[in-house]
Amino acid sequence: MRPIFKILLFLTILPVSAFAQSYLEVVQEATFLMHDSSTRVATVDARLLLTKNTLQFVEQPTTPWKLADVHKLRIDTTEYFVNKLVNIRDTVKVMERVIKGKINYFISPRLSTSQELFVQKDNAVYELRIVRKYVDGRTFEVKEYTSYLKHVTMDCKSIDQVKLVNDVALSYPAILKLITRYNNACGWQEQVTNKKQDLKSKLTLGIMAGAVRMANKLSYDKSGILEGKRTLTGFYAGPSIALEFRKFNDTRVSYDILIEKSTGTGRASASNRNYSEIHDYEILNIKHIIAANVSVSRNHDSHVFVGSGIAVHHQVKNHTTWRPSTGGKPRDPFMYHSGKDKFNMSPFAHVHFGFGRFGFRYQAIALSIQMKKIEVFGFEHRLSLHYDIKN
């Protein structure tokens, strides 16, 4: 591995390792308000508590307690409620309150990616869900949540029960709209937590720079089949735009436009004769990277996205030359690397680690036919540093 890639790999692994430790070992102090109105403080594994509804003490208190004994708790500045579910037997879950009113509206904690939704009326808490049922070897999906919504809103004439069953989707904004309408028409409502933030999409503008390495197989026909390998390295930089969608910012689409210069060498040999050629590459590309991303974890200002998409390569300049391996001057241009081959599209996958405004990304782009009459098989391996100017 070349020195520049060793340095870049180290700079990437170091903060990623620090993030993994901070995320996987979330040890925080929590303040608990119990059902008996007493207050207790303990150090807990916040990750297990907020994602698995499991109360695990890091430092065992003198008198331990169960999650079912807790009314609500606070970690940092965020308040969480602990409620026993009516429609799921012997189940207690931690949740955040979005709406305080005649009907309360809760969601699973933002650290969690489960995206569970809950409603509460008259101290009865229901988890809104779609369940699968198996009848005679066939699977059916039952919109169980509609029956609970009908039950809690049936005393309000402003809510059309038929439309509720047919039109209300099991989604954060749809339930938020329904509960707000009910409370305003037939009840009361004091609090809507982060309503605008949760409903609005979020646009992030940034810049990025990084390094790329390609080690690929070559195959082309030149008075017989020549096969070999090429290795290119390079640097790139450019702007990045990401649009994060609504609930918890769990999904987003991103678009990067990058200027990339790469250089390197390749060698191809004929299998049926004693002949080989050496290629010297110097290529300037503009690359358009379009991706769909899903959050696999989020912890305060840190997050991890995985994504995939399409990379569009636009070749601006190509000064690739070739020469016989036996010697001779470089010959330019190389007929199989014509500058006329301007565009190419390739699929890719990546993982993105974010820390506040900074981010690190590893990306693998699958290469197929990259240039005219020459087949290039392999992957581009890319490591980059991101900085969000606006988020």
Foldseek 3Di string as FASTA:
>chain_A
DDPVVVVLVVVAVVVVVVVCCCQVAVWFKKWFQFPVRDIDIFIFRVNCCQAVVATGGPDDDPDDDHLVRTQWMDTDHFIWGWADAPVDPPDIHIWHWFWDKQKTKTFRDLQYPPTWIWIDHPRHIHTFDWDWDADPNDIDIHRPNLVVVCVSQVVFPVDDSVCSVVPQDPHDVSVVVVVVVSCVRPIHTDGGPCPVVQQDKDKFKWKKKWKKKWWWKKWFDDVAIKIWIWIKMKMKIFMKMKIFHHHSSFKIKMKTKMKMWMWTKMKIAGPVDGWIKMKTWTWIKIKIDIKIWGWPGDDVQKTKIKIKDKIKIFTDDIFMWMDIPVDDDTDPDDVFADNVQGIDMWIKIKMWIGGHQKIKMWMWTFAFCRTHRMTIGDIMIMIMMMGTPGD
